[in-house]
Amino acid sequence: MSTDEGGPQDVDAAVRDLLLLMPRMVGRVKRIQVPAELRSMALAPRHLSLLSYLLFDGPMTVNDLAARLEVAPTTVSLMVGDLTRKNVLERRPDPADRRRRIVSVTDELRPAITRWLAPGAAAWRQALAPLTPAERALFVATFRAYEAALAWEDDTDRADG
């Protein structure tokens, strides 16, 4: 890792380190094999996030998923409908309120989805475990800021084009 004469990294040195690291990280993530049971389903990154929440946090409502994914409930409802038709998810009545539906991963595909997501979850746990809660919060906030900056650049490029 680059340092500035043993002192703290300056921003440019940190950017250079990350510009080298990010493509390697993305390449490793892309090499995680999608289980055979899921390959024909054309799952996108947005599906990965939705499935992660359901797998790690358990069944929940569309509104709960939308809040966690930071998107509109209609967007989640469309994704859930698509994944329900593919038998990845199922909707059941909420025992506490029969008008609401609870979304969950089907028992049939739960093992395959777990196999698929486990390497990434294990790597994040290993990387984050040594950090203090404040350091973890800073790391997540930094990743959010990076993603927001990329989104802003995308929006700016579209407006210019």
C-alpha atoms as a PDB file:
ATOM      1  CA  MET A   1       0.000   0.000   0.000  1.00  0.00           C
ATOM      2  CA  SER A   2       1.322   3.468  -0.830  1.00  0.00           C
ATOM      3  CA  THR A   3       2.179   5.836   1.966  1.00  0.00           C
ATOM      4  CA  ASP A   4       3.474   9.356   2.050  1.00  0.00           C
ATOM      5  CA  GLU A   5       6.923   8.963   3.708  1.00  0.00           C
ATOM      6  CA  GLY A   6       5.455   6.726   6.411  1.00  0.00           C
ATOM      7  CA  GLY A   7       2.668   9.200   7.156  1.00  0.00           C
ATOM      8  CA  PRO A   8      -0.992   8.944   6.277  1.00  0.00           C
ATOM      9  CA  GLN A   9      -1.899   8.307   2.657  1.00  0.00           C
ATOM     10  CA  ASP A  10      -2.710  11.338   0.639  1.00  0.00           C
ATOM     11  CA  VAL A  11      -5.879  11.180  -1.426  1.00  0.00           C
ATOM     12  CA  ASP A  12      -4.106  10.624  -4.749  1.00  0.00           C
ATOM     13  CA  ALA A  13      -2.069   7.711  -3.385  1.00  0.00           C
ATOM     14  CA  ALA A  14      -5.225   6.125  -1.986  1.00  0.00           C
ATOM     15  CA  VAL A  15      -7.007   6.620  -5.320  1.00  0.00           C
ATOM     16  CA  ARG A  16      -4.126   4.913  -7.151  1.00  0.00           C
ATOM     17  CA  ASP A  17      -4.261   1.985  -4.712  1.00  0.00           C
ATOM     18  CA  LEU A  18      -8.003   1.631  -5.205  1.00  0.00           C
ATOM     19  CA  LEU A  19      -7.771   1.959  -8.994  1.00  0.00           C
ATOM     20  CA  LEU A  20      -5.482  -1.067  -8.932  1.00  0.00           C
ATOM     21  CA  LEU A  21      -7.559  -2.977  -6.406  1.00  0.00           C
ATOM     22  CA  MET A  22     -11.107  -2.457  -7.721  1.00  0.00           C
ATOM     23  CA  PRO A  23     -10.689  -4.223 -11.101  1.00  0.00           C
ATOM     24  CA  ARG A  24      -9.126  -7.227  -9.350  1.00  0.00           C
ATOM     25  CA  MET A  25     -11.964  -7.305  -6.835  1.00  0.00           C
ATOM     26  CA  VAL A  26     -14.632  -7.033  -9.541  1.00  0.00           C
ATOM     27  CA  GLY A  27     -12.883  -9.767 -11.533  1.00  0.00           C
ATOM     28  CA  ARG A  28     -12.883 -12.106  -8.528  1.00  0.00           C
ATOM     29  CA  VAL A  29     -16.559 -11.440  -7.847  1.00  0.00           C
ATOM     30  CA  LYS A  30     -17.416 -12.139 -11.486  1.00  0.00           C
ATOM     31  CA  ARG A  31     -15.635 -15.506 -11.246  1.00  0.00           C
ATOM     32  CA  ILE A  32     -17.986 -16.701  -8.503  1.00  0.00           C
ATOM     33  CA  GLN A  33     -19.921 -19.389 -10.329  1.00  0.00           C
ATOM     34  CA  VAL A  34     -23.678 -19.037 -10.538  1.00  0.00           C
ATOM     35  CA  PRO A  35     -25.094 -22.438  -9.531  1.00  0.00           C
ATOM     36  CA  ALA A  36     -26.434 -24.500 -12.437  1.00  0.00           C
ATOM     37  CA  GLU A  37     -29.971 -24.289 -11.027  1.00  0.00           C
ATOM     38  CA  LEU A  38     -29.913 -20.491 -11.421  1.00  0.00           C
ATOM     39  CA  ARG A  39     -27.959 -19.949 -14.675  1.00  0.00           C
ATOM     40  CA  SER A  40     -30.945 -19.872 -17.010  1.00  0.00           C
ATOM     41  CA  MET A  41     -32.784 -17.268 -14.921  1.00  0.00           C
ATOM     42  CA  ALA A  42     -30.856 -14.183 -16.124  1.00  0.00           C
ATOM     43  CA  LEU A  43     -30.426 -12.830 -12.604  1.00  0.00           C
ATOM     44  CA  ALA A  44     -29.099  -9.261 -12.410  1.00  0.00           C
ATOM     45  CA  PRO A  45     -27.190  -7.495  -9.605  1.00  0.00           C
ATOM     46  CA  ARG A  46     -30.455  -6.052  -8.283  1.00  0.00           C
ATOM     47  CA  HIS A  47     -31.734  -9.619  -7.842  1.00  0.00           C
ATOM     48  CA  LEU A  48     -28.566 -10.502  -5.942  1.00  0.00           C
ATOM     49  CA  SER A  49     -29.234  -7.746  -3.396  1.00  0.00           C
ATOM     50  CA  LEU A  50     -32.867  -8.769  -2.970  1.00  0.00           C
ATOM     51  CA  LEU A  51     -31.943 -12.444  -2.554  1.00  0.00           C
ATOM     52  CA  SER A  52     -29.204 -11.533  -0.072  1.00  0.00           C
ATOM     53  CA  TYR A  53     -31.663  -9.730   2.184  1.00  0.00           C
ATOM     54  CA  LEU A  54     -34.145 -12.570   2.072  1.00  0.00           C
ATOM     55  CA  LEU A  55     -31.471 -15.167   2.709  1.00  0.00           C
ATOM     56  CA  PHE A  56     -29.699 -13.379   5.563  1.00  0.00           C
ATOM     57  CA  ASP A  57     -32.637 -11.564   7.190  1.00  0.00           C
ATOM     58  CA  GLY A  58     -35.434 -14.003   6.424  1.00  0.00           C
ATOM     59  CA  PRO A  59     -38.840 -13.557   4.814  1.00  0.00           C
ATOM     60  CA  MET A  60     -40.254 -10.027   4.687  1.00  0.00           C
ATOM     61  CA  THR A  61     -42.828  -7.858   2.971  1.00  0.00           C
ATOM     62  CA  VAL A  62     -42.321  -6.026  -0.309  1.00  0.00           C
ATOM     63  CA  ASN A  63     -42.332  -2.716   1.584  1.00  0.00           C
ATOM     64  CA  ASP A  64     -39.611  -3.942   3.959  1.00  0.00           C
ATOM     65  CA  LEU A  65     -37.520  -5.106   1.007  1.00  0.00           C
ATOM     66  CA  ALA A  66     -38.043  -1.783  -0.778  1.00  0.00           C
ATOM     67  CA  ALA A  67     -36.865   0.146   2.281  1.00  0.00           C
ATOM     68  CA  ARG A  68     -33.728  -1.977   2.591  1.00  0.00           C
ATOM     69  CA  LEU A  69     -32.970  -1.844  -1.132  1.00  0.00           C
ATOM     70  CA  GLU A  70     -33.687   1.916  -1.173  1.00  0.00           C
ATOM     71  CA  VAL A  71     -36.055   1.649  -4.138  1.00  0.00           C
ATOM     72  CA  ALA A  72     -39.787   2.078  -4.660  1.00  0.00           C
ATOM     73  CA  PRO A  73     -42.126  -0.723  -3.563  1.00  0.00           C
ATOM     74  CA  THR A  74     -43.387  -0.994  -7.148  1.00  0.00           C
ATOM     75  CA  THR A  75     -39.834  -1.786  -8.308  1.00  0.00           C
ATOM     76  CA  VAL A  76     -39.519  -4.536  -5.699  1.00  0.00           C
ATOM     77  CA  SER A  77     -42.988  -5.825  -6.530  1.00  0.00           C
ATOM     78  CA  LEU A  78     -41.956  -6.205 -10.189  1.00  0.00           C
ATOM     79  CA  MET A  79     -38.743  -8.030  -9.226  1.00  0.00           C
ATOM     80  CA  VAL A  80     -40.629 -10.295  -6.820  1.00  0.00           C
ATOM     81  CA  GLY A  81     -43.211 -11.053  -9.491  1.00  0.00           C
ATOM     82  CA  ASP A  82     -40.465 -11.945 -11.965  1.00  0.00           C
ATOM     83  CA  LEU A  83     -38.634 -14.168  -9.461  1.00  0.00           C
ATOM     84  CA  THR A  84     -41.895 -15.779  -8.329  1.00  0.00           C
ATOM     85  CA  ARG A  85     -42.682 -16.778 -11.942  1.00  0.00           C
ATOM     86  CA  LYS A  86     -39.194 -18.352 -12.089  1.00  0.00           C
ATOM     87  CA  ASN A  87     -39.916 -20.263  -8.838  1.00  0.00           C
ATOM     88  CA  VAL A  88     -37.061 -18.498  -7.022  1.00  0.00           C
ATOM     89  CA  LEU A  89     -39.370 -16.707  -4.585  1.00  0.00           C
ATOM     90  CA  GLU A  90     -42.768 -17.406  -3.098  1.00  0.00           C
ATOM     91  CA  ARG A  91     -45.380 -15.119  -1.568  1.00  0.00           C
ATOM     92  CA  ARG A  92     -47.426 -16.296   1.396  1.00  0.00           C
ATOM     93  CA  PRO A  93     -50.045 -14.564   3.510  1.00  0.00           C
ATOM     94  CA  ASP A  94     -48.655 -12.930   6.645  1.00  0.00           C
ATOM     95  CA  PRO A  95     -50.027 -14.911   9.624  1.00  0.00           C
ATOM     96  CA  ALA A  96     -50.289 -11.645  11.611  1.00  0.00           C
ATOM     97  CA  ASP A  97     -52.191  -9.803   8.858  1.00  0.00           C
ATOM     98  CA  ARG A  98     -53.708 -11.952   6.107  1.00  0.00           C
ATOM     99  CA  ARG A  99     -53.953  -8.911   3.794  1.00  0.00           C
ATOM    100  CA  ARG A 100     -50.153  -8.639   3.622  1.00  0.00           C
ATOM    101  CA  ARG A 101     -47.864 -10.987   1.713  1.00  0.00           C
ATOM    102  CA  ILE A 102     -44.534 -12.249   2.979  1.00  0.00           C
ATOM    103  CA  VAL A 103     -41.838 -12.922   0.386  1.00  0.00           C
ATOM    104  CA  SER A 104     -39.289 -15.710   0.853  1.00  0.00           C
ATOM    105  CA  VAL A 105     -36.816 -17.797  -1.117  1.00  0.00           C
ATOM    106  CA  THR A 106     -38.291 -21.142  -2.159  1.00  0.00           C
ATOM    107  CA  ASP A 107     -37.069 -24.173  -0.248  1.00  0.00           C
ATOM    108  CA  GLU A 108     -36.105 -25.755  -3.574  1.00  0.00           C
ATOM    109  CA  LEU A 109     -33.595 -23.032  -4.528  1.00  0.00           C
ATOM    110  CA  ARG A 110     -32.439 -21.915  -1.068  1.00  0.00           C
ATOM    111  CA  PRO A 111     -29.382 -24.264  -1.069  1.00  0.00           C
ATOM    112  CA  ALA A 112     -28.235 -23.065  -4.515  1.00  0.00           C
ATOM    113  CA  ILE A 113     -28.658 -19.395  -3.580  1.00  0.00           C
ATOM    114  CA  THR A 114     -26.812 -19.974  -0.310  1.00  0.00           C
ATOM    115  CA  ARG A 115     -23.923 -21.622  -2.200  1.00  0.00           C
ATOM    116  CA  TRP A 116     -23.828 -18.685  -4.594  1.00  0.00           C
ATOM    117  CA  LEU A 117     -23.841 -15.936  -1.961  1.00  0.00           C
ATOM    118  CA  ALA A 118     -21.725 -17.633   0.704  1.00  0.00           C
ATOM    119  CA  PRO A 119     -18.260 -16.814  -0.721  1.00  0.00           C
ATOM    120  CA  GLY A 120     -18.997 -13.086  -0.892  1.00  0.00           C
ATOM    121  CA  ALA A 121     -20.563 -13.003   2.568  1.00  0.00           C
ATOM    122  CA  ALA A 122     -17.628 -14.927   4.042  1.00  0.00           C
ATOM    123  CA  ALA A 123     -15.111 -12.572   2.418  1.00  0.00           C
ATOM    124  CA  TRP A 124     -16.926  -9.496   3.757  1.00  0.00           C
ATOM    125  CA  ARG A 125     -17.097 -11.021   7.244  1.00  0.00           C
ATOM    126  CA  GLN A 126     -13.361 -11.764   7.169  1.00  0.00           C
ATOM    127  CA  ALA A 127     -12.529  -8.256   5.970  1.00  0.00           C
ATOM    128  CA  LEU A 128     -14.879  -6.440   8.351  1.00  0.00           C
ATOM    129  CA  ALA A 129     -14.499  -8.540  11.531  1.00  0.00           C
ATOM    130  CA  PRO A 130     -11.187  -6.957  12.662  1.00  0.00           C
ATOM    131  CA  LEU A 131     -12.636  -3.438  12.377  1.00  0.00           C
ATOM    132  CA  THR A 132     -14.339  -1.557  15.158  1.00  0.00           C
ATOM    133  CA  PRO A 133     -18.030  -0.719  14.694  1.00  0.00           C
ATOM    134  CA  ALA A 134     -17.021   2.882  13.885  1.00  0.00           C
ATOM    135  CA  GLU A 135     -14.491   1.697  11.287  1.00  0.00           C
ATOM    136  CA  ARG A 136     -17.083  -0.594   9.687  1.00  0.00           C
ATOM    137  CA  ALA A 137     -19.567   2.277   9.551  1.00  0.00           C
ATOM    138  CA  LEU A 138     -16.916   4.501   7.930  1.00  0.00           C
ATOM    139  CA  PHE A 139     -16.078   1.797   5.388  1.00  0.00           C
ATOM    140  CA  VAL A 140     -19.737   1.333   4.417  1.00  0.00           C
ATOM    141  CA  ALA A 141     -20.257   5.111   4.273  1.00  0.00           C
ATOM    142  CA  THR A 142     -17.204   5.430   2.010  1.00  0.00           C
ATOM    143  CA  PHE A 143     -18.512   2.743  -0.350  1.00  0.00           C
ATOM    144  CA  ARG A 144     -21.901   4.497  -0.423  1.00  0.00           C
ATOM    145  CA  ALA A 145     -20.219   7.820  -1.224  1.00  0.00           C
ATOM    146  CA  TYR A 146     -18.201   6.175  -4.014  1.00  0.00           C
ATOM    147  CA  GLU A 147     -21.314   4.586  -5.500  1.00  0.00           C
ATOM    148  CA  ALA A 148     -23.190   7.907  -5.257  1.00  0.00           C
ATOM    149  CA  ALA A 149     -20.330   9.700  -7.022  1.00  0.00           C
ATOM    150  CA  LEU A 150     -20.419   7.123  -9.824  1.00  0.00           C
ATOM    151  CA  ALA A 151     -24.192   7.500 -10.099  1.00  0.00           C
ATOM    152  CA  TRP A 152     -23.804  11.288 -10.286  1.00  0.00           C
ATOM    153  CA  GLU A 153     -21.253  10.876 -13.102  1.00  0.00           C
ATOM    154  CA  ASP A 154     -23.658   8.533 -14.938  1.00  0.00           C
ATOM    155  CA  ASP A 155     -26.482  11.048 -14.551  1.00  0.00           C
ATOM    156  CA  THR A 156     -24.232  13.892 -15.742  1.00  0.00           C
ATOM    157  CA  ASP A 157     -23.104  11.889 -18.786  1.00  0.00           C
ATOM    158  CA  ARG A 158     -26.713  11.110 -19.720  1.00  0.00           C
ATOM    159  CA  ALA A 159     -27.695  14.770 -19.388  1.00  0.00           C
ATOM    160  CA  ASP A 160     -24.795  15.810 -21.624  1.00  0.00           C
ATOM    161  CA  GLY A 161     -25.514  13.118 -24.227  1.00  0.00           C
END
